[in-house]
């Protein structure tokens, strides 16, 4: 009788080894899956490594296929939905002030006597080197990447707009933000200076 019990005990030990192996395998698989989740890219609209920069002075350098120019920029936007910026072109004395509240944009150009203060569309801003709507640029400068921009590597994001690809490159040590319209060859570089 005792001998039978020993055999049965031995069989049950052998029978439980595959179960132990299965438990170990499942535990390791679960740990590997959790580790994989931990290193995935952050979701769109996640906190970026940029900013926050709610207020600063700096330079905006715009390079287009046919011309290159730069202006002094003064920026104030504590939230993406409302803000103010001034672009000053020292050589010509031109000063452009843009304010926004929600999607309403007001542009004041000291060299446009017929329309010194007017409501403008976002498309008009491209002529002034502003390739993103101000509320989106404000969100980026406040450290929140808009959801349409996907990570394309450390300090790089890309978005598709109207068939074009817009690329954002951020150099934290130089406090330099570069926006590139890859289809048209336009590039705007924002050098963030003192608050």
N, C-alpha and C. Protein backbone atom coordinates (compact mmCIF):
# COMPACT_ATOMS: atom_id res chain seq x y z
N UNK A 1 0.81 -1.19 0.00
CA UNK A 1 0.00 0.00 0.00
C UNK A 1 0.85 1.26 0.00
N UNK A 2 1.86 1.26 0.85
CA UNK A 2 2.75 2.41 0.91
C UNK A 2 3.48 2.59 -0.42
N UNK A 3 3.81 1.45 -1.03
CA UNK A 3 4.52 1.50 -2.30
C UNK A 3 3.64 2.16 -3.38
N UNK A 4 2.38 1.85 -3.39
CA UNK A 4 1.46 2.44 -4.35
C UNK A 4 1.36 3.94 -4.16
N UNK A 5 1.31 4.35 -2.90
CA UNK A 5 1.23 5.79 -2.62
C UNK A 5 2.47 6.52 -3.13
N UNK A 6 3.64 5.89 -2.94
CA UNK A 6 4.88 6.52 -3.41
C UNK A 6 4.84 6.66 -4.92
N UNK A 7 4.38 5.63 -5.64
CA UNK A 7 4.29 5.70 -7.09
C UNK A 7 3.33 6.79 -7.52
N UNK A 8 2.19 6.84 -6.85
CA UNK A 8 1.21 7.87 -7.21
C UNK A 8 1.77 9.25 -6.94
N UNK A 9 2.47 9.38 -5.82
CA UNK A 9 3.08 10.68 -5.50
C UNK A 9 4.10 11.04 -6.56
N UNK A 10 4.88 10.05 -6.99
CA UNK A 10 5.87 10.31 -8.04
C UNK A 10 5.20 10.69 -9.34
N UNK A 11 4.09 10.02 -9.68
CA UNK A 11 3.37 10.36 -10.91
C UNK A 11 2.77 11.77 -10.83
N UNK A 12 2.22 12.10 -9.68
CA UNK A 12 1.63 13.43 -9.56
C UNK A 12 2.69 14.51 -9.63
N UNK A 13 3.89 14.26 -9.12
CA UNK A 13 4.98 15.23 -9.24
C UNK A 13 5.37 15.41 -10.70
N UNK A 14 5.47 14.26 -11.45
CA UNK A 14 5.80 14.36 -12.87
C UNK A 14 4.68 15.06 -13.64
N UNK A 15 3.46 14.79 -13.27
CA UNK A 15 2.32 15.41 -13.95
C UNK A 15 2.27 16.91 -13.67
N UNK A 16 2.73 17.35 -12.50
CA UNK A 16 2.66 18.78 -12.17
C UNK A 16 3.83 19.56 -12.78
N UNK A 17 4.88 18.89 -13.25
CA UNK A 17 6.00 19.62 -13.85
C UNK A 17 5.58 20.40 -15.08
N UNK A 18 4.79 19.83 -16.00
CA UNK A 18 4.34 20.66 -17.13
C UNK A 18 3.50 21.85 -16.67
N UNK A 19 2.73 21.68 -15.61
CA UNK A 19 1.95 22.81 -15.10
C UNK A 19 2.86 23.90 -14.54
N UNK A 20 3.89 23.50 -13.82
CA UNK A 20 4.86 24.48 -13.30
C UNK A 20 5.53 25.22 -14.46
N UNK A 21 5.92 24.44 -15.49
CA UNK A 21 6.57 25.05 -16.65
C UNK A 21 5.61 26.02 -17.34
N UNK A 22 4.34 25.62 -17.46
CA UNK A 22 3.35 26.48 -18.10
C UNK A 22 3.15 27.77 -17.29
N UNK A 23 3.07 27.64 -15.95
CA UNK A 23 2.94 28.83 -15.09
C UNK A 23 4.14 29.75 -15.24
N UNK A 24 5.34 29.16 -15.24
CA UNK A 24 6.57 29.94 -15.41
C UNK A 24 6.57 30.64 -16.76
N UNK A 25 6.20 29.92 -17.81
CA UNK A 25 6.15 30.48 -19.16
C UNK A 25 5.15 31.63 -19.23
N UNK A 26 3.96 31.43 -18.66
CA UNK A 26 2.94 32.48 -18.68
C UNK A 26 3.38 33.70 -17.88
N UNK A 27 4.05 33.46 -16.76
CA UNK A 27 4.55 34.58 -15.95
C UNK A 27 5.59 35.37 -16.74
N UNK A 28 6.53 34.67 -17.38
CA UNK A 28 7.55 35.35 -18.19
C UNK A 28 6.93 36.08 -19.37
N UNK A 29 5.95 35.45 -20.00
CA UNK A 29 5.27 36.10 -21.13
C UNK A 29 4.56 37.37 -20.68
N UNK A 30 3.91 37.32 -19.51
CA UNK A 30 3.22 38.49 -18.97
C UNK A 30 4.22 39.61 -18.66
N UNK A 31 5.35 39.27 -18.08
CA UNK A 31 6.38 40.27 -17.77
C UNK A 31 6.92 40.89 -19.05
N UNK A 32 7.16 40.07 -20.08
CA UNK A 32 7.66 40.59 -21.35
C UNK A 32 6.63 41.53 -21.99
N UNK A 33 5.35 41.15 -21.91
CA UNK A 33 4.30 42.00 -22.46
C UNK A 33 4.23 43.34 -21.73
N UNK A 34 4.30 43.30 -20.39
CA UNK A 34 4.28 44.54 -19.60
C UNK A 34 5.48 45.42 -19.90
N UNK A 35 6.64 44.81 -20.07
CA UNK A 35 7.83 45.59 -20.41
C UNK A 35 7.67 46.23 -21.78
N UNK A 36 7.07 45.52 -22.71
CA UNK A 36 6.82 46.08 -24.04
C UNK A 36 5.88 47.26 -23.98
N UNK A 37 4.87 47.18 -23.13
CA UNK A 37 3.94 48.30 -22.98
C UNK A 37 4.66 49.51 -22.39
N UNK A 38 5.59 49.27 -21.52
CA UNK A 38 6.28 50.36 -20.84
C UNK A 38 7.18 51.15 -21.78
N UNK A 39 7.68 50.53 -22.88
CA UNK A 39 8.60 51.25 -23.76
C UNK A 39 7.94 51.71 -25.05
N UNK A 40 6.63 51.61 -25.16
CA UNK A 40 5.96 52.09 -26.36
C UNK A 40 6.03 53.61 -26.41
N UNK A 41 5.86 54.15 -27.61
CA UNK A 41 5.85 55.59 -27.78
C UNK A 41 4.69 56.20 -27.00
N UNK A 42 4.87 57.44 -26.52
CA UNK A 42 3.76 58.08 -25.83
C UNK A 42 2.63 58.35 -26.80
N UNK A 43 1.40 58.39 -26.32
CA UNK A 43 0.27 58.64 -27.21
C UNK A 43 0.34 60.05 -27.79
N UNK A 44 -0.31 60.23 -28.93
CA UNK A 44 -0.35 61.54 -29.56
C UNK A 44 -0.95 62.55 -28.59
N UNK A 45 -0.46 63.77 -28.65
CA UNK A 45 -0.95 64.80 -27.75
C UNK A 45 -0.31 64.73 -26.39
N UNK A 46 0.68 63.86 -26.24
CA UNK A 46 1.33 63.69 -24.95
C UNK A 46 2.28 64.86 -24.69
N UNK A 47 2.73 64.94 -23.48
CA UNK A 47 3.67 65.98 -23.11
C UNK A 47 4.95 65.79 -23.91
N UNK A 48 5.42 66.86 -24.52
CA UNK A 48 6.66 66.80 -25.29
C UNK A 48 7.81 67.30 -24.44
N UNK A 49 9.00 67.30 -25.03
CA UNK A 49 10.18 67.79 -24.32
C UNK A 49 10.38 69.28 -24.54
N UNK A 50 9.43 69.95 -25.14
CA UNK A 50 9.54 71.38 -25.47
C UNK A 50 8.86 72.21 -24.39
N UNK A 51 9.57 73.21 -23.92
CA UNK A 51 8.97 74.19 -23.04
C UNK A 51 8.76 73.77 -21.60
N UNK A 52 7.88 74.45 -20.92
CA UNK A 52 6.94 75.43 -21.45
C UNK A 52 7.57 76.81 -21.64
N UNK A 53 7.16 77.47 -22.72
CA UNK A 53 7.60 78.83 -23.04
C UNK A 53 6.38 79.71 -23.28
N UNK A 54 5.74 80.21 -22.22
CA UNK A 54 4.55 81.04 -22.41
C UNK A 54 4.89 82.47 -22.83
N UNK A 55 6.13 82.90 -22.60
CA UNK A 55 6.51 84.28 -22.88
C UNK A 55 8.01 84.35 -23.16
N UNK A 56 8.38 84.94 -24.29
CA UNK A 56 9.80 85.07 -24.63
C UNK A 56 9.99 86.07 -25.75
N UNK A 57 11.23 86.47 -25.95
CA UNK A 57 11.66 87.22 -27.12
C UNK A 57 12.70 86.37 -27.82
N UNK A 58 12.79 86.50 -29.12
CA UNK A 58 13.75 85.69 -29.86
C UNK A 58 13.79 86.12 -31.31
N UNK A 59 14.24 85.20 -32.17
CA UNK A 59 14.31 85.47 -33.60
C UNK A 59 13.57 84.40 -34.37
N UNK A 60 12.97 84.81 -35.47
CA UNK A 60 12.32 83.90 -36.39
C UNK A 60 13.03 84.05 -37.73
N UNK A 61 13.60 82.94 -38.21
CA UNK A 61 14.30 82.94 -39.49
C UNK A 61 13.49 82.09 -40.46
N UNK A 62 13.08 82.68 -41.56
CA UNK A 62 12.27 81.99 -42.56
C UNK A 62 13.07 81.81 -43.83
N UNK A 63 13.15 80.56 -44.28
CA UNK A 63 13.85 80.25 -45.53
C UNK A 63 12.85 79.62 -46.48
N UNK A 64 12.65 80.30 -47.61
CA UNK A 64 11.77 79.81 -48.65
C UNK A 64 12.62 79.58 -49.90
N UNK A 65 12.13 78.83 -50.87
CA UNK A 65 12.96 78.58 -52.06
C UNK A 65 13.42 79.85 -52.77
N UNK A 66 12.64 80.93 -52.70
CA UNK A 66 12.99 82.15 -53.44
C UNK A 66 13.55 83.28 -52.57
N UNK A 67 13.41 83.17 -51.25
CA UNK A 67 13.94 84.25 -50.39
C UNK A 67 14.19 83.75 -48.98
N UNK A 68 14.95 84.56 -48.25
CA UNK A 68 15.28 84.27 -46.85
C UNK A 68 15.18 85.58 -46.09
N UNK A 69 14.56 85.55 -44.91
CA UNK A 69 14.46 86.75 -44.09
C UNK A 69 14.34 86.38 -42.62
N UNK A 70 14.61 87.35 -41.76
CA UNK A 70 14.49 87.11 -40.33
C UNK A 70 13.90 88.33 -39.64
N UNK A 71 13.22 88.05 -38.53
CA UNK A 71 12.58 89.10 -37.75
C UNK A 71 12.80 88.82 -36.26
N UNK A 72 12.66 89.87 -35.49
CA UNK A 72 12.61 89.75 -34.04
C UNK A 72 11.20 89.31 -33.68
N UNK A 73 11.06 88.37 -32.74
CA UNK A 73 9.73 87.92 -32.33
C UNK A 73 9.56 88.11 -30.84
N UNK A 74 8.42 88.63 -30.46
CA UNK A 74 8.02 88.72 -29.05
C UNK A 74 6.74 87.91 -28.93
N UNK A 75 6.70 86.98 -27.98
CA UNK A 75 5.62 86.00 -27.88
C UNK A 75 5.02 86.01 -26.49
N UNK A 76 3.68 86.00 -26.40
CA UNK A 76 2.98 85.89 -25.12
C UNK A 76 1.75 85.00 -25.34
N UNK A 77 1.75 83.82 -24.75
CA UNK A 77 0.58 82.93 -24.85
C UNK A 77 0.61 81.96 -23.67
N UNK A 78 -0.16 82.27 -22.65
CA UNK A 78 -0.22 81.41 -21.46
C UNK A 78 -1.08 80.18 -21.70
N UNK A 79 -1.98 80.25 -22.70
CA UNK A 79 -2.81 79.11 -23.10
C UNK A 79 -2.81 79.07 -24.63
N UNK A 80 -3.07 77.91 -25.22
CA UNK A 80 -3.12 77.84 -26.68
C UNK A 80 -4.27 78.66 -27.28
N UNK A 81 -5.34 78.85 -26.55
CA UNK A 81 -6.53 79.48 -27.12
C UNK A 81 -6.46 81.01 -27.20
N UNK A 82 -5.46 81.61 -26.55
CA UNK A 82 -5.40 83.07 -26.55
C UNK A 82 -3.95 83.53 -26.45
N UNK A 83 -3.57 84.48 -27.30
CA UNK A 83 -2.19 84.95 -27.24
C UNK A 83 -1.93 86.16 -28.12
N UNK A 84 -0.65 86.52 -28.16
CA UNK A 84 -0.19 87.73 -28.84
C UNK A 84 1.23 87.50 -29.31
N UNK A 85 1.54 87.97 -30.52
CA UNK A 85 2.92 87.96 -30.96
C UNK A 85 3.19 89.17 -31.83
N UNK A 86 4.45 89.63 -31.76
CA UNK A 86 4.88 90.78 -32.56
C UNK A 86 6.11 90.37 -33.34
N UNK A 87 6.09 90.64 -34.66
CA UNK A 87 7.23 90.39 -35.53
C UNK A 87 7.77 91.75 -35.97
N UNK A 88 9.07 91.98 -35.75
CA UNK A 88 9.69 93.25 -36.10
C UNK A 88 10.83 93.01 -37.08
N UNK A 89 10.70 93.61 -38.28
CA UNK A 89 11.75 93.52 -39.29
C UNK A 89 12.54 94.82 -39.21
N UNK A 90 13.72 94.74 -38.62
CA UNK A 90 14.50 95.95 -38.31
C UNK A 90 14.91 96.71 -39.57
N UNK A 91 15.29 96.02 -40.63
CA UNK A 91 15.79 96.69 -41.84
C UNK A 91 14.72 97.56 -42.50
N UNK A 92 13.48 97.10 -42.50
CA UNK A 92 12.42 97.86 -43.17
C UNK A 92 11.57 98.67 -42.20
N UNK A 93 11.68 98.40 -40.91
CA UNK A 93 10.85 99.08 -39.92
C UNK A 93 9.44 98.52 -39.84
N UNK A 94 9.20 97.41 -40.49
CA UNK A 94 7.87 96.82 -40.50
C UNK A 94 7.60 96.09 -39.18
N UNK A 95 6.43 96.31 -38.62
CA UNK A 95 6.01 95.65 -37.38
C UNK A 95 4.63 95.03 -37.63
N UNK A 96 4.55 93.74 -37.39
CA UNK A 96 3.30 93.01 -37.54
C UNK A 96 2.93 92.45 -36.17
N UNK A 97 1.70 92.71 -35.74
CA UNK A 97 1.21 92.20 -34.46
C UNK A 97 0.02 91.28 -34.75
N UNK A 98 0.08 90.09 -34.19
CA UNK A 98 -0.99 89.12 -34.36
C UNK A 98 -1.54 88.77 -32.98
N UNK A 99 -2.85 88.84 -32.84
CA UNK A 99 -3.51 88.38 -31.62
C UNK A 99 -4.53 87.33 -32.03
N UNK A 100 -4.78 86.40 -31.12
CA UNK A 100 -5.80 85.40 -31.40
C UNK A 100 -6.58 85.08 -30.13
N UNK A 101 -7.83 84.78 -30.38
CA UNK A 101 -8.73 84.33 -29.32
C UNK A 101 -9.57 83.23 -29.95
N UNK A 102 -9.29 81.99 -29.56
CA UNK A 102 -9.92 80.85 -30.22
C UNK A 102 -9.43 80.77 -31.65
N UNK A 103 -10.34 80.74 -32.61
CA UNK A 103 -9.95 80.67 -34.02
C UNK A 103 -9.97 82.04 -34.70
N UNK A 104 -10.30 83.10 -33.97
CA UNK A 104 -10.31 84.45 -34.53
C UNK A 104 -8.91 85.05 -34.46
N UNK A 105 -8.41 85.49 -35.63
CA UNK A 105 -7.06 86.05 -35.72
C UNK A 105 -7.15 87.51 -36.15
N UNK A 106 -6.48 88.39 -35.40
CA UNK A 106 -6.40 89.81 -35.75
C UNK A 106 -4.96 90.13 -36.11
N UNK A 107 -4.78 90.78 -37.25
CA UNK A 107 -3.45 91.15 -37.73
C UNK A 107 -3.36 92.66 -37.85
N UNK A 108 -2.31 93.23 -37.31
CA UNK A 108 -2.05 94.65 -37.42
C UNK A 108 -0.69 94.80 -38.07
N UNK A 109 -0.65 95.45 -39.25
CA UNK A 109 0.58 95.64 -40.02
C UNK A 109 0.80 97.13 -40.18
N UNK A 110 1.90 97.65 -39.63
CA UNK A 110 2.12 99.11 -39.67
C UNK A 110 2.40 99.62 -41.10
N UNK A 111 2.63 98.74 -42.06
CA UNK A 111 2.86 99.18 -43.43
C UNK A 111 1.68 98.89 -44.35
N UNK A 112 0.53 98.66 -43.77
CA UNK A 112 -0.70 98.46 -44.54
C UNK A 112 -1.72 99.49 -44.06
N UNK A 113 -1.64 100.74 -44.61
CA UNK A 113 -2.52 101.81 -44.12
C UNK A 113 -3.99 101.58 -44.43
N UNK A 114 -4.31 100.78 -45.45
CA UNK A 114 -5.72 100.56 -45.78
C UNK A 114 -6.40 99.58 -44.82
N UNK A 115 -5.64 98.63 -44.28
CA UNK A 115 -6.18 97.65 -43.33
C UNK A 115 -5.24 97.51 -42.14
N UNK A 116 -5.12 98.54 -41.31
CA UNK A 116 -4.15 98.46 -40.21
C UNK A 116 -4.47 97.36 -39.20
N UNK A 117 -5.75 97.09 -38.98
CA UNK A 117 -6.14 96.03 -38.04
C UNK A 117 -7.26 95.25 -38.72
N UNK A 118 -6.99 94.00 -39.04
CA UNK A 118 -7.98 93.21 -39.77
C UNK A 118 -8.02 91.78 -39.27
N UNK A 119 -9.15 91.15 -39.49
CA UNK A 119 -9.29 89.73 -39.20
C UNK A 119 -8.74 88.97 -40.41
N UNK A 120 -7.90 87.98 -40.15
CA UNK A 120 -7.27 87.22 -41.23
C UNK A 120 -7.52 85.73 -41.05
N UNK A 121 -7.26 85.00 -42.12
CA UNK A 121 -7.37 83.54 -42.07
C UNK A 121 -6.00 82.94 -41.75
N UNK A 122 -6.00 81.68 -41.38
CA UNK A 122 -4.74 81.00 -41.08
C UNK A 122 -3.86 80.90 -42.33
N UNK A 123 -4.46 80.81 -43.52
CA UNK A 123 -3.70 80.71 -44.77
C UNK A 123 -2.88 81.98 -45.01
N UNK A 124 -3.41 83.13 -44.62
CA UNK A 124 -2.70 84.41 -44.79
C UNK A 124 -1.40 84.43 -44.00
N UNK A 125 -1.36 83.71 -42.88
CA UNK A 125 -0.19 83.76 -42.00
C UNK A 125 1.06 83.14 -42.63
N UNK A 126 0.89 82.27 -43.62
CA UNK A 126 2.04 81.64 -44.27
C UNK A 126 2.95 82.69 -44.90
N UNK A 127 2.37 83.81 -45.38
CA UNK A 127 3.18 84.89 -45.95
C UNK A 127 4.07 85.54 -44.92
N UNK A 128 3.74 85.39 -43.65
CA UNK A 128 4.53 85.97 -42.57
C UNK A 128 5.45 84.94 -41.91
N UNK A 129 5.55 83.76 -42.51
CA UNK A 129 6.43 82.72 -41.97
C UNK A 129 5.81 81.87 -40.88
N UNK A 130 4.51 82.02 -40.66
CA UNK A 130 3.83 81.24 -39.63
C UNK A 130 3.16 80.06 -40.31
N UNK A 131 3.78 78.88 -40.22
CA UNK A 131 3.29 77.72 -40.95
C UNK A 131 2.29 76.89 -40.15
N UNK A 132 2.13 77.18 -38.88
CA UNK A 132 1.14 76.51 -38.05
C UNK A 132 0.19 77.55 -37.49
N UNK A 133 -1.07 77.19 -37.29
CA UNK A 133 -1.98 78.12 -36.62
C UNK A 133 -1.40 78.49 -35.24
N UNK A 134 -1.55 79.73 -34.82
CA UNK A 134 -0.94 80.17 -33.56
C UNK A 134 -1.35 79.33 -32.35
N UNK A 135 -2.59 78.86 -32.30
CA UNK A 135 -3.00 78.06 -31.13
C UNK A 135 -2.25 76.73 -31.09
N UNK A 136 -1.92 76.16 -32.27
CA UNK A 136 -1.13 74.92 -32.30
C UNK A 136 0.31 75.18 -31.90
N UNK A 137 0.88 76.28 -32.41
CA UNK A 137 2.24 76.64 -32.03
C UNK A 137 2.32 76.93 -30.54
N UNK A 138 1.29 77.59 -29.99
CA UNK A 138 1.26 77.86 -28.55
C UNK A 138 1.22 76.57 -27.76
N UNK A 139 0.42 75.60 -28.20
CA UNK A 139 0.37 74.30 -27.51
C UNK A 139 1.74 73.65 -27.52
N UNK A 140 2.44 73.68 -28.66
CA UNK A 140 3.78 73.09 -28.75
C UNK A 140 4.73 73.79 -27.80
N UNK A 141 4.70 75.12 -27.79
CA UNK A 141 5.61 75.88 -26.94
C UNK A 141 5.28 75.74 -25.45
N UNK A 142 4.06 75.31 -25.15
CA UNK A 142 3.68 75.05 -23.77
C UNK A 142 3.91 73.60 -23.36
N UNK A 143 4.50 72.82 -24.27
CA UNK A 143 4.87 71.44 -23.94
C UNK A 143 3.84 70.39 -24.27
N UNK A 144 2.79 70.76 -25.03
CA UNK A 144 1.75 69.79 -25.41
C UNK A 144 1.73 69.67 -26.93
N UNK A 145 2.18 68.53 -27.44
CA UNK A 145 2.21 68.32 -28.88
C UNK A 145 0.79 68.06 -29.39
N UNK A 146 0.35 68.77 -30.45
CA UNK A 146 -0.98 68.51 -31.01
C UNK A 146 -1.09 67.06 -31.49
N UNK A 147 -2.29 66.48 -31.42
CA UNK A 147 -2.44 65.05 -31.68
C UNK A 147 -2.06 64.60 -33.08
N UNK A 148 -2.11 65.49 -34.09
CA UNK A 148 -1.78 65.06 -35.43
C UNK A 148 -0.28 64.88 -35.64
N UNK A 149 0.55 65.39 -34.74
CA UNK A 149 1.99 65.22 -34.84
C UNK A 149 2.41 63.93 -34.16
N UNK A 150 3.07 63.07 -34.91
CA UNK A 150 3.52 61.77 -34.41
C UNK A 150 5.02 61.80 -34.20
N UNK A 151 5.51 61.15 -33.16
CA UNK A 151 6.96 61.10 -32.93
C UNK A 151 7.67 60.45 -34.12
N UNK A 152 8.79 61.05 -34.53
CA UNK A 152 9.59 60.52 -35.64
C UNK A 152 11.04 60.37 -35.18
N UNK A 153 11.25 60.22 -33.89
CA UNK A 153 12.58 60.11 -33.31
C UNK A 153 12.72 61.12 -32.19
N UNK A 154 13.81 61.07 -31.44
CA UNK A 154 13.99 62.02 -30.33
C UNK A 154 14.05 63.47 -30.85
N UNK A 155 13.15 64.29 -30.35
CA UNK A 155 13.12 65.70 -30.74
C UNK A 155 12.56 65.95 -32.13
N UNK A 156 11.87 64.96 -32.72
CA UNK A 156 11.32 65.10 -34.07
C UNK A 156 9.87 64.61 -34.09
N UNK A 157 9.01 65.37 -34.76
CA UNK A 157 7.62 65.00 -34.93
C UNK A 157 7.21 65.30 -36.36
N UNK A 158 6.23 64.59 -36.89
CA UNK A 158 5.73 64.83 -38.24
C UNK A 158 4.21 64.76 -38.26
N UNK A 159 3.62 65.55 -39.17
CA UNK A 159 2.18 65.53 -39.37
C UNK A 159 1.90 65.67 -40.86
N UNK A 160 0.79 65.08 -41.30
CA UNK A 160 0.34 65.22 -42.69
C UNK A 160 -0.80 66.22 -42.70
N UNK A 161 -0.64 67.25 -43.55
CA UNK A 161 -1.67 68.28 -43.67
C UNK A 161 -1.91 68.57 -45.14
N UNK A 162 -3.12 68.38 -45.57
CA UNK A 162 -3.52 68.69 -46.94
C UNK A 162 -2.55 68.05 -47.94
N UNK A 163 -2.12 66.83 -47.67
CA UNK A 163 -1.21 66.12 -48.56
C UNK A 163 0.26 66.45 -48.36
N UNK A 164 0.56 67.42 -47.51
CA UNK A 164 1.95 67.81 -47.24
C UNK A 164 2.41 67.22 -45.92
N UNK A 165 3.72 67.15 -45.75
CA UNK A 165 4.30 66.68 -44.50
C UNK A 165 4.96 67.86 -43.81
N UNK A 166 4.53 68.13 -42.58
CA UNK A 166 5.14 69.17 -41.75
C UNK A 166 6.01 68.46 -40.72
N UNK A 167 7.25 68.89 -40.61
CA UNK A 167 8.19 68.27 -39.67
C UNK A 167 8.60 69.29 -38.61
N UNK A 168 8.63 68.84 -37.37
CA UNK A 168 9.10 69.67 -36.25
C UNK A 168 10.39 69.06 -35.73
N UNK A 169 11.42 69.89 -35.61
CA UNK A 169 12.69 69.47 -35.03
C UNK A 169 12.98 70.39 -33.84
N UNK A 170 13.30 69.80 -32.70
CA UNK A 170 13.56 70.57 -31.48
C UNK A 170 14.97 70.29 -30.99
N UNK A 171 15.75 71.35 -30.80
CA UNK A 171 17.08 71.26 -30.22
C UNK A 171 17.01 71.97 -28.87
N UNK A 172 16.94 71.18 -27.80
CA UNK A 172 16.72 71.74 -26.46
C UNK A 172 17.89 72.59 -26.00
N UNK A 173 19.13 72.17 -26.27
CA UNK A 173 20.29 72.93 -25.78
C UNK A 173 20.39 74.29 -26.45
N UNK A 174 19.98 74.39 -27.72
CA UNK A 174 20.01 75.68 -28.43
C UNK A 174 18.69 76.42 -28.31
N UNK A 175 17.68 75.79 -27.72
CA UNK A 175 16.32 76.34 -27.65
C UNK A 175 15.87 76.78 -29.04
N UNK A 176 16.01 75.83 -29.98
CA UNK A 176 15.70 76.09 -31.39
C UNK A 176 14.61 75.13 -31.87
N UNK A 177 13.53 75.70 -32.39
CA UNK A 177 12.42 74.94 -32.93
C UNK A 177 12.36 75.20 -34.43
N UNK A 178 12.44 74.14 -35.23
CA UNK A 178 12.41 74.28 -36.69
C UNK A 178 11.18 73.59 -37.24
N UNK A 179 10.41 74.32 -38.02
CA UNK A 179 9.21 73.80 -38.69
C UNK A 179 9.51 73.76 -40.18
N UNK A 180 9.35 72.60 -40.80
CA UNK A 180 9.66 72.45 -42.21
C UNK A 180 8.46 71.89 -42.96
N UNK A 181 8.10 72.57 -44.04
CA UNK A 181 7.09 72.07 -44.96
C UNK A 181 7.87 71.33 -46.05
N UNK A 182 7.93 70.01 -45.95
CA UNK A 182 8.78 69.22 -46.82
C UNK A 182 8.37 69.31 -48.29
N UNK A 183 7.10 69.48 -48.58
CA UNK A 183 6.64 69.53 -49.97
C UNK A 183 7.04 70.84 -50.65
N UNK A 184 6.95 71.95 -49.95
CA UNK A 184 7.22 73.25 -50.56
C UNK A 184 8.64 73.75 -50.31
N UNK A 185 9.35 73.13 -49.40
CA UNK A 185 10.71 73.56 -49.12
C UNK A 185 10.80 74.78 -48.22
N UNK A 186 9.70 75.12 -47.55
CA UNK A 186 9.71 76.27 -46.63
C UNK A 186 10.17 75.80 -45.25
N UNK A 187 10.98 76.63 -44.61
CA UNK A 187 11.46 76.31 -43.27
C UNK A 187 11.44 77.56 -42.40
N UNK A 188 10.87 77.42 -41.21
CA UNK A 188 10.85 78.50 -40.23
C UNK A 188 11.57 78.01 -38.98
N UNK A 189 12.59 78.76 -38.57
CA UNK A 189 13.36 78.40 -37.38
C UNK A 189 13.12 79.45 -36.32
N UNK A 190 12.66 79.00 -35.18
CA UNK A 190 12.39 79.88 -34.05
C UNK A 190 13.49 79.70 -33.03
N UNK A 191 14.22 80.79 -32.76
CA UNK A 191 15.27 80.78 -31.73
C UNK A 191 14.71 81.46 -30.50
N UNK A 192 14.47 80.69 -29.46
CA UNK A 192 13.84 81.20 -28.25
C UNK A 192 14.88 81.84 -27.36
N UNK A 193 14.68 83.12 -27.08
CA UNK A 193 15.61 83.85 -26.24
C UNK A 193 15.11 83.97 -24.81
N UNK A 194 15.31 85.14 -24.27
CA UNK A 194 14.96 85.40 -22.86
C UNK A 194 13.48 85.60 -22.67
N UNK A 195 12.98 85.21 -21.48
CA UNK A 195 11.56 85.46 -21.18
C UNK A 195 11.29 86.93 -20.96
